[in-house]
Amino acid sequence: MSKKKWMNMAAIYSIIYTLITLLNSVLYLGNGIYEDPSGNWHELDRAMILLIGIAAFELCTNLPVKPLLLRYVIAYVPSQLLAFTYVWFTGLREPLAKTAYRDIWINFTSLFIILCIINTIVSIRKVKQKPAEI
């Protein structure tokens, strides 16, 4: 992979991590919680889950599989299983919330779908901008 591709991945990772962290903080403050009850581990866990998601997204944008929907499914299933496995391992460190697997499924799937929609739009635009070959 080129240096530009690595820089783009790092930028996307940083932007998404920042937005998710800010949203989480706003939600906590809105509910009257002034400190993250899980502390630094929660931040590290968020970073790891996002890393899994970004790696899955990169996988689905680079797989030579057609149609696009199949490519997304091929990337999503193992990455979601990896996210579940990561959550299971965090349970060895501290007790999991009763909704831990549901929460990771909702959050991971939501972000994955948003990224897939963006990727699909970009792909469609690239096809439309490509000059017709004679």
N, C-alpha and C. Protein backbone atom coordinates (compact mmCIF):
# COMPACT_ATOMS: atom_id res chain seq x y z
N MET A 1 0.83 -1.18 0.00
CA MET A 1 0.00 0.00 0.00
C MET A 1 0.88 1.24 0.00
N SER A 2 0.38 2.24 -0.66
CA SER A 2 1.15 3.47 -0.78
C SER A 2 1.08 4.28 0.51
N LYS A 3 2.03 5.20 0.62
CA LYS A 3 2.07 6.07 1.80
C LYS A 3 0.81 6.92 1.88
N LYS A 4 0.31 7.37 0.73
CA LYS A 4 -0.91 8.18 0.71
C LYS A 4 -2.10 7.39 1.24
N LYS A 5 -2.17 6.12 0.88
CA LYS A 5 -3.27 5.25 1.35
C LYS A 5 -3.21 5.09 2.87
N TRP A 6 -1.99 4.88 3.40
CA TRP A 6 -1.82 4.76 4.86
C TRP A 6 -2.21 6.05 5.57
N MET A 7 -1.84 7.18 4.98
CA MET A 7 -2.16 8.47 5.58
C MET A 7 -3.68 8.71 5.56
N ASN A 8 -4.33 8.33 4.47
CA ASN A 8 -5.79 8.45 4.39
C ASN A 8 -6.48 7.57 5.43
N MET A 9 -5.98 6.35 5.60
CA MET A 9 -6.56 5.45 6.61
C MET A 9 -6.37 6.03 8.01
N ALA A 10 -5.20 6.56 8.29
CA ALA A 10 -4.94 7.14 9.61
C ALA A 10 -5.83 8.36 9.84
N ALA A 11 -6.04 9.16 8.80
CA ALA A 11 -6.90 10.34 8.93
C ALA A 11 -8.35 9.92 9.18
N ILE A 12 -8.83 8.95 8.42
CA ILE A 12 -10.21 8.47 8.60
C ILE A 12 -10.38 7.90 10.01
N TYR A 13 -9.41 7.10 10.44
CA TYR A 13 -9.45 6.51 11.78
C TYR A 13 -9.51 7.61 12.84
N SER A 14 -8.66 8.60 12.72
CA SER A 14 -8.59 9.68 13.71
C SER A 14 -9.87 10.50 13.75
N ILE A 15 -10.41 10.80 12.59
CA ILE A 15 -11.64 11.60 12.52
C ILE A 15 -12.81 10.84 13.15
N ILE A 16 -12.96 9.58 12.76
CA ILE A 16 -14.07 8.79 13.30
C ILE A 16 -13.91 8.60 14.80
N TYR A 17 -12.70 8.30 15.26
CA TYR A 17 -12.47 8.11 16.70
C TYR A 17 -12.82 9.39 17.46
N THR A 18 -12.41 10.52 16.94
CA THR A 18 -12.71 11.80 17.60
C THR A 18 -14.21 12.05 17.66
N LEU A 19 -14.90 11.84 16.54
CA LEU A 19 -16.34 12.06 16.52
C LEU A 19 -17.08 11.13 17.48
N ILE A 20 -16.70 9.86 17.49
CA ILE A 20 -17.35 8.91 18.39
C ILE A 20 -17.09 9.27 19.85
N THR A 21 -15.87 9.66 20.16
CA THR A 21 -15.53 10.04 21.53
C THR A 21 -16.29 11.29 21.96
N LEU A 22 -16.38 12.27 21.07
CA LEU A 22 -17.15 13.48 21.39
C LEU A 22 -18.63 13.16 21.58
N LEU A 23 -19.19 12.35 20.71
CA LEU A 23 -20.59 11.97 20.85
C LEU A 23 -20.83 11.24 22.17
N ASN A 24 -19.94 10.31 22.50
CA ASN A 24 -20.05 9.58 23.76
C ASN A 24 -20.01 10.54 24.95
N SER A 25 -19.10 11.50 24.91
CA SER A 25 -18.98 12.47 26.00
C SER A 25 -20.23 13.33 26.13
N VAL A 26 -20.76 13.77 25.01
CA VAL A 26 -21.98 14.59 25.03
C VAL A 26 -23.15 13.78 25.61
N LEU A 27 -23.27 12.52 25.20
CA LEU A 27 -24.34 11.67 25.72
C LEU A 27 -24.20 11.45 27.23
N TYR A 28 -22.97 11.20 27.68
CA TYR A 28 -22.75 11.04 29.13
C TYR A 28 -23.13 12.31 29.87
N LEU A 29 -22.64 13.45 29.39
CA LEU A 29 -22.94 14.72 30.06
C LEU A 29 -24.43 15.02 30.04
N GLY A 30 -25.09 14.70 28.94
CA GLY A 30 -26.53 14.90 28.85
C GLY A 30 -27.31 14.06 29.84
N ASN A 31 -26.74 12.95 30.24
CA ASN A 31 -27.37 12.07 31.24
C ASN A 31 -26.87 12.34 32.65
N GLY A 32 -26.11 13.40 32.81
CA GLY A 32 -25.64 13.77 34.15
C GLY A 32 -24.44 12.99 34.65
N ILE A 33 -23.76 12.28 33.75
CA ILE A 33 -22.56 11.51 34.13
C ILE A 33 -21.35 12.34 33.72
N TYR A 34 -20.54 12.74 34.69
CA TYR A 34 -19.45 13.66 34.42
C TYR A 34 -18.10 12.98 34.21
N GLU A 35 -18.03 11.69 34.44
CA GLU A 35 -16.80 10.93 34.18
C GLU A 35 -17.18 9.60 33.56
N ASP A 36 -16.36 9.13 32.65
CA ASP A 36 -16.59 7.83 32.03
C ASP A 36 -16.41 6.75 33.09
N PRO A 37 -17.48 5.99 33.40
CA PRO A 37 -17.37 4.98 34.46
C PRO A 37 -16.34 3.89 34.15
N SER A 38 -16.07 3.64 32.89
CA SER A 38 -15.10 2.59 32.53
C SER A 38 -13.69 3.13 32.38
N GLY A 39 -13.54 4.44 32.36
CA GLY A 39 -12.22 5.06 32.34
C GLY A 39 -11.42 4.79 31.09
N ASN A 40 -10.12 4.65 31.28
CA ASN A 40 -9.19 4.52 30.16
C ASN A 40 -9.38 3.24 29.37
N TRP A 41 -9.78 2.16 30.03
CA TRP A 41 -10.01 0.92 29.30
C TRP A 41 -11.07 1.12 28.23
N HIS A 42 -12.08 1.89 28.54
CA HIS A 42 -13.15 2.15 27.58
C HIS A 42 -12.60 2.85 26.33
N GLU A 43 -11.70 3.78 26.53
CA GLU A 43 -11.08 4.48 25.41
C GLU A 43 -10.25 3.53 24.55
N LEU A 44 -9.48 2.68 25.21
CA LEU A 44 -8.66 1.70 24.47
C LEU A 44 -9.53 0.69 23.74
N ASP A 45 -10.61 0.26 24.38
CA ASP A 45 -11.54 -0.68 23.74
C ASP A 45 -12.17 -0.04 22.51
N ARG A 46 -12.57 1.22 22.63
CA ARG A 46 -13.16 1.93 21.49
C ARG A 46 -12.15 2.01 20.34
N ALA A 47 -10.90 2.30 20.68
CA ALA A 47 -9.86 2.39 19.66
C ALA A 47 -9.66 1.05 18.95
N MET A 48 -9.67 -0.05 19.70
CA MET A 48 -9.47 -1.38 19.09
C MET A 48 -10.65 -1.77 18.19
N ILE A 49 -11.86 -1.53 18.67
CA ILE A 49 -13.04 -1.88 17.87
C ILE A 49 -13.06 -1.05 16.59
N LEU A 50 -12.71 0.21 16.69
CA LEU A 50 -12.65 1.05 15.50
C LEU A 50 -11.57 0.57 14.54
N LEU A 51 -10.44 0.13 15.07
CA LEU A 51 -9.38 -0.41 14.23
C LEU A 51 -9.87 -1.64 13.47
N ILE A 52 -10.61 -2.50 14.14
CA ILE A 52 -11.20 -3.67 13.48
C ILE A 52 -12.14 -3.22 12.36
N GLY A 53 -12.96 -2.22 12.65
CA GLY A 53 -13.90 -1.71 11.65
C GLY A 53 -13.22 -1.08 10.45
N ILE A 54 -12.19 -0.29 10.70
CA ILE A 54 -11.46 0.35 9.60
C ILE A 54 -10.75 -0.71 8.75
N ALA A 55 -10.17 -1.71 9.40
CA ALA A 55 -9.51 -2.80 8.66
C ALA A 55 -10.54 -3.55 7.80
N ALA A 56 -11.74 -3.78 8.35
CA ALA A 56 -12.79 -4.45 7.59
C ALA A 56 -13.21 -3.60 6.40
N PHE A 57 -13.34 -2.31 6.62
CA PHE A 57 -13.73 -1.42 5.53
C PHE A 57 -12.67 -1.42 4.44
N GLU A 58 -11.41 -1.37 4.82
CA GLU A 58 -10.34 -1.43 3.83
C GLU A 58 -10.39 -2.75 3.06
N LEU A 59 -10.68 -3.82 3.78
CA LEU A 59 -10.81 -5.13 3.13
C LEU A 59 -11.93 -5.10 2.10
N CYS A 60 -13.07 -4.55 2.48
CA CYS A 60 -14.19 -4.57 1.53
C CYS A 60 -14.01 -3.61 0.37
N THR A 61 -13.18 -2.59 0.52
CA THR A 61 -12.95 -1.70 -0.62
C THR A 61 -11.89 -2.25 -1.56
N ASN A 62 -11.11 -3.21 -1.11
CA ASN A 62 -10.02 -3.75 -1.93
C ASN A 62 -10.23 -5.18 -2.41
N LEU A 63 -11.28 -5.83 -1.96
CA LEU A 63 -11.53 -7.20 -2.43
C LEU A 63 -11.96 -7.18 -3.90
N PRO A 64 -11.43 -8.11 -4.69
CA PRO A 64 -11.82 -8.16 -6.11
C PRO A 64 -13.06 -9.03 -6.32
N VAL A 65 -14.12 -8.75 -5.55
CA VAL A 65 -15.34 -9.55 -5.60
C VAL A 65 -16.47 -8.69 -6.14
N LYS A 66 -17.23 -9.26 -7.04
CA LYS A 66 -18.43 -8.60 -7.55
C LYS A 66 -19.60 -9.50 -7.18
N PRO A 67 -20.73 -9.04 -6.87
CA PRO A 67 -21.19 -7.66 -6.75
C PRO A 67 -20.71 -7.02 -5.44
N LEU A 68 -20.91 -5.74 -5.37
CA LEU A 68 -20.46 -4.94 -4.24
C LEU A 68 -21.07 -5.42 -2.92
N LEU A 69 -22.34 -5.78 -2.93
CA LEU A 69 -23.00 -6.24 -1.71
C LEU A 69 -22.34 -7.50 -1.15
N LEU A 70 -21.96 -8.42 -2.02
CA LEU A 70 -21.27 -9.63 -1.58
C LEU A 70 -19.92 -9.29 -0.97
N ARG A 71 -19.23 -8.33 -1.54
CA ARG A 71 -17.95 -7.88 -1.00
C ARG A 71 -18.14 -7.34 0.42
N TYR A 72 -19.20 -6.57 0.63
CA TYR A 72 -19.48 -6.03 1.96
C TYR A 72 -19.76 -7.14 2.96
N VAL A 73 -20.53 -8.13 2.56
CA VAL A 73 -20.85 -9.24 3.46
C VAL A 73 -19.60 -10.04 3.80
N ILE A 74 -18.76 -10.29 2.81
CA ILE A 74 -17.52 -11.04 3.03
C ILE A 74 -16.62 -10.31 4.02
N ALA A 75 -16.60 -9.00 3.98
CA ALA A 75 -15.78 -8.23 4.92
C ALA A 75 -16.46 -8.09 6.28
N TYR A 76 -17.78 -7.97 6.29
CA TYR A 76 -18.51 -7.71 7.54
C TYR A 76 -18.51 -8.90 8.49
N VAL A 77 -18.83 -10.07 7.98
CA VAL A 77 -19.03 -11.23 8.86
C VAL A 77 -17.79 -11.54 9.70
N PRO A 78 -16.61 -11.73 9.11
CA PRO A 78 -15.46 -12.04 9.97
C PRO A 78 -15.05 -10.87 10.87
N SER A 79 -15.24 -9.64 10.40
CA SER A 79 -14.86 -8.51 11.25
C SER A 79 -15.83 -8.37 12.43
N GLN A 80 -17.11 -8.63 12.22
CA GLN A 80 -18.06 -8.59 13.34
C GLN A 80 -17.75 -9.70 14.32
N LEU A 81 -17.40 -10.87 13.82
CA LEU A 81 -17.00 -11.97 14.71
C LEU A 81 -15.74 -11.60 15.51
N LEU A 82 -14.80 -10.93 14.86
CA LEU A 82 -13.60 -10.47 15.56
C LEU A 82 -13.95 -9.45 16.63
N ALA A 83 -14.89 -8.56 16.35
CA ALA A 83 -15.34 -7.58 17.35
C ALA A 83 -15.99 -8.29 18.53
N PHE A 84 -16.83 -9.29 18.26
CA PHE A 84 -17.43 -10.07 19.35
C PHE A 84 -16.36 -10.77 20.18
N THR A 85 -15.35 -11.31 19.50
CA THR A 85 -14.25 -11.98 20.20
C THR A 85 -13.51 -10.99 21.09
N TYR A 86 -13.28 -9.80 20.59
CA TYR A 86 -12.61 -8.78 21.39
C TYR A 86 -13.43 -8.46 22.64
N VAL A 87 -14.74 -8.31 22.46
CA VAL A 87 -15.62 -8.05 23.61
C VAL A 87 -15.53 -9.20 24.61
N TRP A 88 -15.52 -10.42 24.12
CA TRP A 88 -15.41 -11.58 25.01
C TRP A 88 -14.11 -11.49 25.83
N PHE A 89 -13.00 -11.16 25.16
CA PHE A 89 -11.72 -11.04 25.87
C PHE A 89 -11.75 -9.92 26.91
N THR A 90 -12.47 -8.84 26.64
CA THR A 90 -12.56 -7.77 27.65
C THR A 90 -13.30 -8.26 28.88
N GLY A 91 -14.15 -9.26 28.69
CA GLY A 91 -14.86 -9.86 29.82
C GLY A 91 -13.92 -10.59 30.77
N LEU A 92 -12.74 -10.97 30.30
CA LEU A 92 -11.75 -11.58 31.18
C LEU A 92 -11.10 -10.54 32.09
N ARG A 93 -11.11 -9.29 31.67
CA ARG A 93 -10.51 -8.19 32.41
C ARG A 93 -11.48 -7.62 33.44
N GLU A 94 -12.74 -7.48 33.04
CA GLU A 94 -13.77 -6.91 33.91
C GLU A 94 -15.11 -7.45 33.48
N PRO A 95 -16.09 -7.46 34.37
CA PRO A 95 -17.41 -7.96 33.99
C PRO A 95 -18.02 -7.14 32.86
N LEU A 96 -18.65 -7.83 31.92
CA LEU A 96 -19.30 -7.15 30.80
C LEU A 96 -20.68 -6.66 31.21
N ALA A 97 -21.11 -5.59 30.58
CA ALA A 97 -22.49 -5.13 30.76
C ALA A 97 -23.41 -6.20 30.16
N LYS A 98 -24.62 -6.26 30.65
CA LYS A 98 -25.57 -7.25 30.14
C LYS A 98 -25.86 -7.06 28.66
N THR A 99 -25.70 -5.85 28.19
CA THR A 99 -25.99 -5.54 26.79
C THR A 99 -24.73 -5.39 25.95
N ALA A 100 -23.61 -5.89 26.42
CA ALA A 100 -22.33 -5.66 25.73
C ALA A 100 -22.34 -6.16 24.28
N TYR A 101 -22.83 -7.36 24.05
CA TYR A 101 -22.82 -7.90 22.69
C TYR A 101 -23.84 -7.18 21.79
N ARG A 102 -24.98 -6.85 22.35
CA ARG A 102 -25.96 -6.09 21.58
C ARG A 102 -25.40 -4.71 21.22
N ASP A 103 -24.77 -4.07 22.20
CA ASP A 103 -24.21 -2.73 21.97
C ASP A 103 -23.13 -2.75 20.89
N ILE A 104 -22.23 -3.74 20.96
CA ILE A 104 -21.16 -3.79 19.96
C ILE A 104 -21.75 -4.12 18.59
N TRP A 105 -22.76 -4.96 18.55
CA TRP A 105 -23.39 -5.27 17.27
C TRP A 105 -24.03 -4.02 16.67
N ILE A 106 -24.78 -3.28 17.46
CA ILE A 106 -25.44 -2.07 16.97
C ILE A 106 -24.40 -1.03 16.52
N ASN A 107 -23.42 -0.76 17.36
CA ASN A 107 -22.43 0.27 17.05
C ASN A 107 -21.56 -0.12 15.86
N PHE A 108 -21.06 -1.35 15.85
CA PHE A 108 -20.19 -1.80 14.77
C PHE A 108 -20.96 -1.84 13.45
N THR A 109 -22.15 -2.41 13.48
CA THR A 109 -22.95 -2.53 12.26
C THR A 109 -23.35 -1.16 11.72
N SER A 110 -23.74 -0.27 12.61
CA SER A 110 -24.13 1.08 12.17
C SER A 110 -22.98 1.79 11.45
N LEU A 111 -21.81 1.78 12.07
CA LEU A 111 -20.66 2.42 11.45
C LEU A 111 -20.28 1.73 10.15
N PHE A 112 -20.32 0.41 10.11
CA PHE A 112 -19.98 -0.33 8.90
C PHE A 112 -20.95 0.02 7.77
N ILE A 113 -22.24 0.10 8.08
CA ILE A 113 -23.23 0.44 7.06
C ILE A 113 -23.01 1.85 6.53
N ILE A 114 -22.74 2.79 7.43
CA ILE A 114 -22.49 4.17 7.00
C ILE A 114 -21.28 4.22 6.06
N LEU A 115 -20.20 3.53 6.43
CA LEU A 115 -19.02 3.52 5.57
C LEU A 115 -19.29 2.84 4.24
N CYS A 116 -20.09 1.78 4.25
CA CYS A 116 -20.44 1.09 2.99
C CYS A 116 -21.29 1.98 2.09
N ILE A 117 -22.20 2.73 2.67
CA ILE A 117 -23.02 3.66 1.88
C ILE A 117 -22.13 4.71 1.23
N ILE A 118 -21.21 5.26 2.02
CA ILE A 118 -20.29 6.26 1.48
C ILE A 118 -19.45 5.66 0.36
N ASN A 119 -18.93 4.45 0.57
CA ASN A 119 -18.13 3.78 -0.44
C ASN A 119 -18.94 3.51 -1.71
N THR A 120 -20.19 3.12 -1.56
CA THR A 120 -21.04 2.85 -2.71
C THR A 120 -21.27 4.13 -3.51
N ILE A 121 -21.54 5.22 -2.83
CA ILE A 121 -21.74 6.51 -3.51
C ILE A 121 -20.49 6.92 -4.27
N VAL A 122 -19.33 6.78 -3.63
CA VAL A 122 -18.07 7.11 -4.28
C VAL A 122 -17.85 6.22 -5.50
N SER A 123 -18.14 4.93 -5.37
CA SER A 123 -17.97 4.00 -6.50
C SER A 123 -18.88 4.36 -7.67
N ILE A 124 -20.12 4.71 -7.37
CA ILE A 124 -21.06 5.08 -8.42
C ILE A 124 -20.60 6.35 -9.12
N ARG A 125 -20.11 7.31 -8.36
CA ARG A 125 -19.62 8.56 -8.96
C ARG A 125 -18.41 8.30 -9.86
N LYS A 126 -17.52 7.41 -9.42
CA LYS A 126 -16.34 7.09 -10.24
C LYS A 126 -16.76 6.48 -11.56
N VAL A 127 -17.77 5.61 -11.53
CA VAL A 127 -18.24 4.97 -12.76
C VAL A 127 -18.87 6.01 -13.68
N LYS A 128 -19.66 6.92 -13.11
CA LYS A 128 -20.31 7.94 -13.93
C LYS A 128 -19.31 8.93 -14.53
N GLN A 129 -18.22 9.19 -13.81
CA GLN A 129 -17.21 10.14 -14.29
C GLN A 129 -16.26 9.53 -15.30
N LYS A 130 -16.20 8.22 -15.34
CA LYS A 130 -15.30 7.53 -16.26
C LYS A 130 -15.78 7.75 -17.69
N PRO A 131 -14.90 8.21 -18.57
CA PRO A 131 -15.31 8.41 -19.96
C PRO A 131 -15.63 7.08 -20.63
N ALA A 132 -16.62 7.13 -21.48
CA ALA A 132 -17.04 5.92 -22.20
C ALA A 132 -15.93 5.47 -23.14
N GLU A 133 -15.65 4.17 -23.12
CA GLU A 133 -14.62 3.62 -24.00
C GLU A 133 -15.25 3.23 -25.33
N ILE A 134 -14.54 3.53 -26.39
CA ILE A 134 -15.06 3.24 -27.75
C ILE A 134 -14.36 2.03 -28.30
